[in-house]
Amino acid sequence: MKKFILLILPLFILLSANAQKSSAILRGGLNLANVSITESGRIDDAKTLTSFQAGITGDFNLSDFIALQPGLLVTGKGSKTQSGDPTDANYFKATSNPIYIEVPLNLVFKAPLGSDTKFFAGAGPYLAVGIAGKNKTEGKIFGASFSSEKNIEWSDDDPTTLDYDEGAGFGILKRFDYGLNGTAGIETKTIVLSANYGLGLAKLQSGSNSSEDDINKHRVLSFTIGFKL
């Protein structure tokens, strides 16, 4: 965790040093989270999990039309699995909802739509560290109900050792996630509305090789509202 903070600290020092050219946006919204299930990165829509995100982003203006937007977000990811219906004699439902602190860094292009309104679109990388979350299961076997809820167990992965996952084990998630994200939306003098998509590049399972295929990687579509500070 300390190494993660040291990685992102220079970004926010840069933002603070150029405060006269920047603003901050308090942001929150809805996440539609999923996990890829094929080598091509495709997802199963039925496994989409509703979650949330909240945090703050910066808007560091490089010109009248280009901005650098770093952020610090608390965001929920994961997916769900369901077989059968609760009224059936045999039924199973499982959800995994890991919570991350995520740092996106987007390069955004802006186009005026009016005197106080702009359209924007951009993209960039993100880095995230898992901090909490739950694995839940419930169901019935021949009419007998069962349920369980456990905290997600994270590996003690060191992000500086990219080819080795410390603390790996069955059922343990990698603590660090990284990937690409895109954003587009409308901003006024006080409000920012955006749609965002996160394309995870790191596999969820500890000890797995992220470069082999696109199976079991985070996919998150989000819709947010922001208020300029």
C-alpha atoms as a PDB file:
ATOM      1  CA  MET A   1       0.000   0.000   0.000  1.00  0.00           C
ATOM      2  CA  LYS A   2       2.848   2.409   0.837  1.00  0.00           C
ATOM      3  CA  LYS A   3       4.497   1.745  -2.535  1.00  0.00           C
ATOM      4  CA  PHE A   4       1.182   2.407  -4.269  1.00  0.00           C
ATOM      5  CA  ILE A   5       0.867   5.783  -2.510  1.00  0.00           C
ATOM      6  CA  LEU A   6       4.424   6.685  -3.472  1.00  0.00           C
ATOM      7  CA  LEU A   7       3.616   5.907  -7.115  1.00  0.00           C
ATOM      8  CA  ILE A   8       0.619   8.256  -7.264  1.00  0.00           C
ATOM      9  CA  LEU A   9       1.880  11.055  -4.984  1.00  0.00           C
ATOM     10  CA  PRO A  10       3.926  12.896  -7.672  1.00  0.00           C
ATOM     11  CA  LEU A  11       0.800  13.102  -9.819  1.00  0.00           C
ATOM     12  CA  PHE A  12      -1.123  15.043  -7.205  1.00  0.00           C
ATOM     13  CA  ILE A  13       1.876  17.220  -6.339  1.00  0.00           C
ATOM     14  CA  LEU A  14       1.957  18.241 -10.014  1.00  0.00           C
ATOM     15  CA  LEU A  15      -1.750  19.032  -9.899  1.00  0.00           C
ATOM     16  CA  SER A  16      -1.408  21.146  -6.746  1.00  0.00           C
ATOM     17  CA  ALA A  17       1.583  23.047  -8.126  1.00  0.00           C
ATOM     18  CA  ASN A  18      -0.518  24.142 -11.097  1.00  0.00           C
ATOM     19  CA  ALA A  19      -3.683  24.940  -9.141  1.00  0.00           C
ATOM     20  CA  GLN A  20      -4.230  28.199 -11.033  1.00  0.00           C
ATOM     21  CA  LYS A  21      -4.757  26.151 -14.226  1.00  0.00           C
ATOM     22  CA  SER A  22      -6.820  23.372 -12.754  1.00  0.00           C
ATOM     23  CA  SER A  23     -10.010  22.487 -10.951  1.00  0.00           C
ATOM     24  CA  ALA A  24     -11.278  19.525  -8.952  1.00  0.00           C
ATOM     25  CA  ILE A  25     -14.421  17.477  -9.539  1.00  0.00           C
ATOM     26  CA  LEU A  26     -16.210  15.567  -6.790  1.00  0.00           C
ATOM     27  CA  ARG A  27     -17.610  12.508  -8.585  1.00  0.00           C
ATOM     28  CA  GLY A  28     -19.829   9.528  -7.911  1.00  0.00           C
ATOM     29  CA  GLY A  29     -22.027   7.113  -9.769  1.00  0.00           C
ATOM     30  CA  LEU A  30     -23.125   3.663 -10.843  1.00  0.00           C
ATOM     31  CA  ASN A  31     -20.833   0.811 -11.922  1.00  0.00           C
ATOM     32  CA  LEU A  32     -21.962  -2.093 -14.088  1.00  0.00           C
ATOM     33  CA  ALA A  33     -19.142  -4.529 -13.392  1.00  0.00           C
ATOM     34  CA  ASN A  34     -18.322  -7.801 -15.103  1.00  0.00           C
ATOM     35  CA  VAL A  35     -15.464 -10.206 -15.783  1.00  0.00           C
ATOM     36  CA  SER A  36     -14.309 -11.460 -19.200  1.00  0.00           C
ATOM     37  CA  ILE A  37     -14.996 -15.140 -19.928  1.00  0.00           C
ATOM     38  CA  THR A  38     -13.319 -15.783 -23.301  1.00  0.00           C
ATOM     39  CA  GLU A  39      -9.838 -15.429 -24.765  1.00  0.00           C
ATOM     40  CA  SER A  40     -11.105 -12.507 -26.854  1.00  0.00           C
ATOM     41  CA  GLY A  41     -12.254 -10.655 -23.753  1.00  0.00           C
ATOM     42  CA  ARG A  42     -16.011 -11.122 -24.256  1.00  0.00           C
ATOM     43  CA  ILE A  43     -18.314 -10.991 -21.215  1.00  0.00           C
ATOM     44  CA  ASP A  44     -21.585 -12.682 -20.265  1.00  0.00           C
ATOM     45  CA  ASP A  45     -24.192  -9.923 -19.838  1.00  0.00           C
ATOM     46  CA  ALA A  46     -26.144 -12.056 -17.362  1.00  0.00           C
ATOM     47  CA  LYS A  47     -23.222 -11.837 -14.927  1.00  0.00           C
ATOM     48  CA  THR A  48     -23.216  -8.023 -14.686  1.00  0.00           C
ATOM     49  CA  LEU A  49     -22.965  -6.820 -11.078  1.00  0.00           C
ATOM     50  CA  THR A  50     -24.297  -3.416  -9.985  1.00  0.00           C
ATOM     51  CA  SER A  51     -21.785  -1.531  -7.836  1.00  0.00           C
ATOM     52  CA  PHE A  52     -20.593   2.039  -7.237  1.00  0.00           C
ATOM     53  CA  GLN A  53     -17.750   4.505  -7.481  1.00  0.00           C
ATOM     54  CA  ALA A  54     -16.942   7.734  -5.657  1.00  0.00           C
ATOM     55  CA  GLY A  55     -13.960  10.036  -5.446  1.00  0.00           C
ATOM     56  CA  ILE A  56     -12.301  13.093  -6.869  1.00  0.00           C
ATOM     57  CA  THR A  57     -10.733  13.902 -10.226  1.00  0.00           C
ATOM     58  CA  GLY A  58      -8.615  16.807 -11.339  1.00  0.00           C
ATOM     59  CA  ASP A  59      -8.915  18.851 -14.512  1.00  0.00           C
ATOM     60  CA  PHE A  60      -5.461  20.161 -15.409  1.00  0.00           C
ATOM     61  CA  ASN A  61      -5.817  22.311 -18.523  1.00  0.00           C
ATOM     62  CA  LEU A  62      -2.953  21.972 -20.994  1.00  0.00           C
ATOM     63  CA  SER A  63      -4.746  24.238 -23.478  1.00  0.00           C
ATOM     64  CA  ASP A  64      -8.270  25.464 -24.213  1.00  0.00           C
ATOM     65  CA  PHE A  65      -9.102  22.099 -25.789  1.00  0.00           C
ATOM     66  CA  ILE A  66      -6.894  19.548 -23.997  1.00  0.00           C
ATOM     67  CA  ALA A  67      -6.822  18.579 -20.320  1.00  0.00           C
ATOM     68  CA  LEU A  68      -5.019  16.033 -18.166  1.00  0.00           C
ATOM     69  CA  GLN A  69      -7.400  14.410 -15.679  1.00  0.00           C
ATOM     70  CA  PRO A  70      -5.906  12.350 -12.834  1.00  0.00           C
ATOM     71  CA  GLY A  71      -8.240  10.868 -10.250  1.00  0.00           C
ATOM     72  CA  LEU A  72      -8.489   9.078  -6.938  1.00  0.00           C
ATOM     73  CA  LEU A  73     -11.547   6.823  -6.760  1.00  0.00           C
ATOM     74  CA  VAL A  74     -13.069   4.132  -4.581  1.00  0.00           C
ATOM     75  CA  THR A  75     -14.676   1.743  -7.035  1.00  0.00           C
ATOM     76  CA  GLY A  76     -16.496  -1.582  -6.955  1.00  0.00           C
ATOM     77  CA  LYS A  77     -15.843  -4.330  -9.500  1.00  0.00           C
ATOM     78  CA  GLY A  78     -16.610  -8.048  -9.816  1.00  0.00           C
ATOM     79  CA  SER A  79     -19.406 -10.202 -11.227  1.00  0.00           C
ATOM     80  CA  LYS A  80     -22.197 -12.586 -10.291  1.00  0.00           C
ATOM     81  CA  THR A  81     -23.194 -16.135 -11.229  1.00  0.00           C
ATOM     82  CA  GLN A  82     -26.678 -17.605 -10.980  1.00  0.00           C
ATOM     83  CA  SER A  83     -28.169 -20.977 -11.826  1.00  0.00           C
ATOM     84  CA  GLY A  84     -31.895 -21.513 -11.491  1.00  0.00           C
ATOM     85  CA  ASP A  85     -34.440 -19.356  -9.646  1.00  0.00           C
ATOM     86  CA  PRO A  86     -35.006 -18.855  -5.904  1.00  0.00           C
ATOM     87  CA  THR A  87     -38.312 -20.740  -6.224  1.00  0.00           C
ATOM     88  CA  ASP A  88     -36.587 -23.846  -7.637  1.00  0.00           C
ATOM     89  CA  ALA A  89     -35.642 -26.851  -5.509  1.00  0.00           C
ATOM     90  CA  ASN A  90     -32.029 -26.456  -6.719  1.00  0.00           C
ATOM     91  CA  TYR A  91     -30.713 -22.911  -6.970  1.00  0.00           C
ATOM     92  CA  PHE A  92     -27.308 -21.250  -6.748  1.00  0.00           C
ATOM     93  CA  LYS A  93     -26.163 -17.615  -6.755  1.00  0.00           C
ATOM     94  CA  ALA A  94     -22.680 -16.248  -6.093  1.00  0.00           C
ATOM     95  CA  THR A  95     -21.392 -12.685  -6.165  1.00  0.00           C
ATOM     96  CA  SER A  96     -17.861 -11.359  -5.858  1.00  0.00           C
ATOM     97  CA  ASN A  97     -17.631  -7.603  -5.227  1.00  0.00           C
ATOM     98  CA  PRO A  98     -14.014  -6.487  -4.717  1.00  0.00           C
ATOM     99  CA  ILE A  99     -13.470  -2.838  -3.784  1.00  0.00           C
ATOM    100  CA  TYR A 100     -10.442  -0.963  -5.124  1.00  0.00           C
ATOM    101  CA  ILE A 101      -8.743   2.374  -4.759  1.00  0.00           C
ATOM    102  CA  GLU A 102      -8.196   3.347  -8.380  1.00  0.00           C
ATOM    103  CA  VAL A 103      -6.055   6.051  -9.962  1.00  0.00           C
ATOM    104  CA  PRO A 104      -7.006   6.871 -13.566  1.00  0.00           C
ATOM    105  CA  LEU A 105      -5.015   9.287 -15.711  1.00  0.00           C
ATOM    106  CA  ASN A 106      -6.882  10.445 -18.806  1.00  0.00           C
ATOM    107  CA  LEU A 107      -5.911  12.782 -21.608  1.00  0.00           C
ATOM    108  CA  VAL A 108      -9.165  14.524 -22.532  1.00  0.00           C
ATOM    109  CA  PHE A 109     -10.127  16.556 -25.587  1.00  0.00           C
ATOM    110  CA  LYS A 110     -12.866  19.187 -25.222  1.00  0.00           C
ATOM    111  CA  ALA A 111     -15.140  20.844 -27.793  1.00  0.00           C
ATOM    112  CA  PRO A 112     -17.454  23.775 -27.004  1.00  0.00           C
ATOM    113  CA  LEU A 113     -21.187  23.218 -27.462  1.00  0.00           C
ATOM    114  CA  GLY A 114     -22.195  26.643 -26.206  1.00  0.00           C
ATOM    115  CA  SER A 115     -20.980  29.465 -24.017  1.00  0.00           C
ATOM    116  CA  ASP A 116     -20.916  27.371 -20.827  1.00  0.00           C
ATOM    117  CA  THR A 117     -21.097  23.780 -22.122  1.00  0.00           C
ATOM    118  CA  LYS A 118     -18.466  21.440 -23.564  1.00  0.00           C
ATOM    119  CA  PHE A 119     -18.376  17.906 -24.913  1.00  0.00           C
ATOM    120  CA  PHE A 120     -15.320  15.898 -23.876  1.00  0.00           C
ATOM    121  CA  ALA A 121     -13.805  12.530 -24.691  1.00  0.00           C
ATOM    122  CA  GLY A 122     -10.531  10.919 -23.714  1.00  0.00           C
ATOM    123  CA  ALA A 123      -8.648   7.864 -22.569  1.00  0.00           C
ATOM    124  CA  GLY A 124      -5.674   6.713 -20.546  1.00  0.00           C
ATOM    125  CA  PRO A 125      -4.305   4.097 -18.149  1.00  0.00           C
ATOM    126  CA  TYR A 126      -5.391   3.241 -14.629  1.00  0.00           C
ATOM    127  CA  LEU A 127      -3.797   1.528 -11.644  1.00  0.00           C
ATOM    128  CA  ALA A 128      -5.822   0.072  -8.770  1.00  0.00           C
ATOM    129  CA  VAL A 129      -5.190  -1.661  -5.447  1.00  0.00           C
ATOM    130  CA  GLY A 130      -7.725  -3.947  -3.747  1.00  0.00           C
ATOM    131  CA  ILE A 131      -8.709  -2.885  -0.229  1.00  0.00           C
ATOM    132  CA  ALA A 132     -11.909  -4.759   0.664  1.00  0.00           C
ATOM    133  CA  GLY A 133     -14.852  -6.730  -0.675  1.00  0.00           C
ATOM    134  CA  LYS A 134     -17.124  -9.697  -0.109  1.00  0.00           C
ATOM    135  CA  ASN A 135     -17.750 -13.087  -1.669  1.00  0.00           C
ATOM    136  CA  LYS A 136     -21.351 -14.187  -1.140  1.00  0.00           C
ATOM    137  CA  THR A 137     -23.106 -17.432  -1.982  1.00  0.00           C
ATOM    138  CA  GLU A 138     -26.687 -18.570  -1.467  1.00  0.00           C
ATOM    139  CA  GLY A 139     -28.909 -21.296  -2.800  1.00  0.00           C
ATOM    140  CA  LYS A 140     -30.823 -24.498  -2.246  1.00  0.00           C
ATOM    141  CA  ILE A 141     -30.070 -28.204  -2.695  1.00  0.00           C
ATOM    142  CA  PHE A 142     -33.186 -30.350  -2.887  1.00  0.00           C
ATOM    143  CA  GLY A 143     -35.052 -27.562  -1.087  1.00  0.00           C
ATOM    144  CA  ALA A 144     -32.501 -27.144   1.738  1.00  0.00           C
ATOM    145  CA  SER A 145     -31.228 -23.559   1.859  1.00  0.00           C
ATOM    146  CA  PHE A 146     -27.637 -22.481   2.419  1.00  0.00           C
ATOM    147  CA  SER A 147     -25.734 -19.196   2.408  1.00  0.00           C
ATOM    148  CA  SER A 148     -22.307 -17.824   3.247  1.00  0.00           C
ATOM    149  CA  GLU A 149     -20.478 -14.500   3.203  1.00  0.00           C
ATOM    150  CA  LYS A 150     -16.702 -14.073   3.452  1.00  0.00           C
ATOM    151  CA  ASN A 151     -14.248 -11.231   3.105  1.00  0.00           C
ATOM    152  CA  ILE A 152     -12.201 -11.357  -0.074  1.00  0.00           C
ATOM    153  CA  GLU A 153      -8.668 -12.636   0.509  1.00  0.00           C
ATOM    154  CA  TRP A 154      -5.931 -10.708  -1.312  1.00  0.00           C
ATOM    155  CA  SER A 155      -2.416 -11.755  -2.260  1.00  0.00           C
ATOM    156  CA  ASP A 156       0.571  -9.856  -0.853  1.00  0.00           C
ATOM    157  CA  ASP A 157       1.661  -8.947  -4.348  1.00  0.00           C
ATOM    158  CA  ASP A 158       4.561  -6.533  -4.817  1.00  0.00           C
ATOM    159  CA  PRO A 159       3.764  -4.355  -7.893  1.00  0.00           C
ATOM    160  CA  THR A 160       7.475  -3.915  -8.635  1.00  0.00           C
ATOM    161  CA  THR A 161       7.843  -7.653  -9.361  1.00  0.00           C
ATOM    162  CA  LEU A 162       5.716  -7.896 -12.499  1.00  0.00           C
ATOM    163  CA  ASP A 163       6.598 -11.532 -13.251  1.00  0.00           C
ATOM    164  CA  TYR A 164       5.878 -12.898  -9.762  1.00  0.00           C
ATOM    165  CA  ASP A 165       2.810 -12.818  -7.522  1.00  0.00           C
ATOM    166  CA  GLU A 166       3.662 -13.056  -3.822  1.00  0.00           C
ATOM    167  CA  GLY A 167       1.095 -14.727  -1.573  1.00  0.00           C
ATOM    168  CA  ALA A 168      -0.579 -16.575  -4.453  1.00  0.00           C
ATOM    169  CA  GLY A 169      -3.087 -19.321  -3.718  1.00  0.00           C
ATOM    170  CA  PHE A 170      -6.383 -20.896  -4.697  1.00  0.00           C
ATOM    171  CA  GLY A 171      -9.316 -18.514  -4.280  1.00  0.00           C
ATOM    172  CA  ILE A 172      -7.034 -15.526  -3.601  1.00  0.00           C
ATOM    173  CA  LEU A 173      -7.346 -12.408  -5.749  1.00  0.00           C
ATOM    174  CA  LYS A 174      -4.445 -10.377  -7.048  1.00  0.00           C
ATOM    175  CA  ARG A 175      -4.293  -7.164  -5.042  1.00  0.00           C
ATOM    176  CA  PHE A 176      -3.168  -4.976  -7.951  1.00  0.00           C
ATOM    177  CA  ASP A 177      -5.216  -4.307 -11.059  1.00  0.00           C
ATOM    178  CA  TYR A 178      -4.262  -2.188 -14.058  1.00  0.00           C
ATOM    179  CA  GLY A 179      -5.685  -1.416 -17.456  1.00  0.00           C
ATOM    180  CA  LEU A 180      -7.060   1.177 -19.823  1.00  0.00           C
ATOM    181  CA  ASN A 181     -10.085   3.405 -19.497  1.00  0.00           C
ATOM    182  CA  GLY A 182     -12.089   5.723 -21.717  1.00  0.00           C
ATOM    183  CA  THR A 183     -14.424   8.562 -20.841  1.00  0.00           C
ATOM    184  CA  ALA A 184     -16.902  10.827 -22.638  1.00  0.00           C
ATOM    185  CA  GLY A 185     -19.526  13.284 -21.513  1.00  0.00           C
ATOM    186  CA  ILE A 186     -20.823  16.802 -21.091  1.00  0.00           C
ATOM    187  CA  GLU A 187     -19.587  19.488 -18.718  1.00  0.00           C
ATOM    188  CA  THR A 188     -20.981  22.849 -17.668  1.00  0.00           C
ATOM    189  CA  LYS A 189     -19.582  25.434 -15.279  1.00  0.00           C
ATOM    190  CA  THR A 190     -20.695  23.394 -12.271  1.00  0.00           C
ATOM    191  CA  ILE A 191     -21.683  19.847 -13.332  1.00  0.00           C
ATOM    192  CA  VAL A 192     -19.969  17.032 -15.249  1.00  0.00           C
ATOM    193  CA  LEU A 193     -21.933  14.059 -16.651  1.00  0.00           C
ATOM    194  CA  SER A 194     -19.868  11.171 -18.005  1.00  0.00           C
ATOM    195  CA  ALA A 195     -19.891   7.595 -19.220  1.00  0.00           C
ATOM    196  CA  ASN A 196     -16.710   5.617 -18.568  1.00  0.00           C
ATOM    197  CA  TYR A 197     -15.352   2.184 -19.447  1.00  0.00           C
ATOM    198  CA  GLY A 198     -12.550   0.313 -17.687  1.00  0.00           C
ATOM    199  CA  LEU A 199     -10.725  -2.445 -19.599  1.00  0.00           C
ATOM    200  CA  GLY A 200      -8.736  -4.517 -17.132  1.00  0.00           C
ATOM    201  CA  LEU A 201      -5.462  -6.040 -18.344  1.00  0.00           C
ATOM    202  CA  ALA A 202      -4.523  -7.994 -15.199  1.00  0.00           C
ATOM    203  CA  LYS A 203      -6.071 -11.361 -14.358  1.00  0.00           C
ATOM    204  CA  LEU A 204      -8.005 -11.637 -11.131  1.00  0.00           C
ATOM    205  CA  GLN A 205      -6.553 -14.929  -9.912  1.00  0.00           C
ATOM    206  CA  SER A 206      -3.347 -14.798  -7.964  1.00  0.00           C
ATOM    207  CA  GLY A 207      -0.429 -16.520  -9.634  1.00  0.00           C
ATOM    208  CA  SER A 208      -1.951 -16.350 -13.132  1.00  0.00           C
ATOM    209  CA  ASN A 209      -0.196 -14.942 -16.200  1.00  0.00           C
ATOM    210  CA  SER A 210      -1.968 -11.786 -17.403  1.00  0.00           C
ATOM    211  CA  SER A 211      -0.486 -11.984 -20.902  1.00  0.00           C
ATOM    212  CA  GLU A 212      -1.748 -15.456 -21.883  1.00  0.00           C
ATOM    213  CA  ASP A 213      -5.337 -14.480 -22.831  1.00  0.00           C
ATOM    214  CA  ASP A 214      -8.198 -12.150 -21.890  1.00  0.00           C
ATOM    215  CA  ILE A 215     -10.096 -14.516 -19.609  1.00  0.00           C
ATOM    216  CA  ASN A 216     -10.977 -13.337 -16.072  1.00  0.00           C
ATOM    217  CA  LYS A 217     -10.186  -9.641 -16.350  1.00  0.00           C
ATOM    218  CA  HIS A 218     -12.273  -6.749 -15.040  1.00  0.00           C
ATOM    219  CA  ARG A 219     -14.698  -4.933 -17.332  1.00  0.00           C
ATOM    220  CA  VAL A 220     -16.532  -1.942 -15.813  1.00  0.00           C
ATOM    221  CA  LEU A 221     -19.041   0.405 -17.445  1.00  0.00           C
ATOM    222  CA  SER A 222     -19.910   3.399 -15.259  1.00  0.00           C
ATOM    223  CA  PHE A 223     -22.174   6.423 -15.363  1.00  0.00           C
ATOM    224  CA  THR A 224     -21.211   9.319 -13.108  1.00  0.00           C
ATOM    225  CA  ILE A 225     -22.154  12.824 -12.095  1.00  0.00           C
ATOM    226  CA  GLY A 226     -19.533  15.280 -10.889  1.00  0.00           C
ATOM    227  CA  PHE A 227     -19.655  18.635  -9.158  1.00  0.00           C
ATOM    228  CA  LYS A 228     -16.878  21.134  -9.748  1.00  0.00           C
ATOM    229  CA  LEU A 229     -15.281  22.468  -6.571  1.00  0.00           C
END
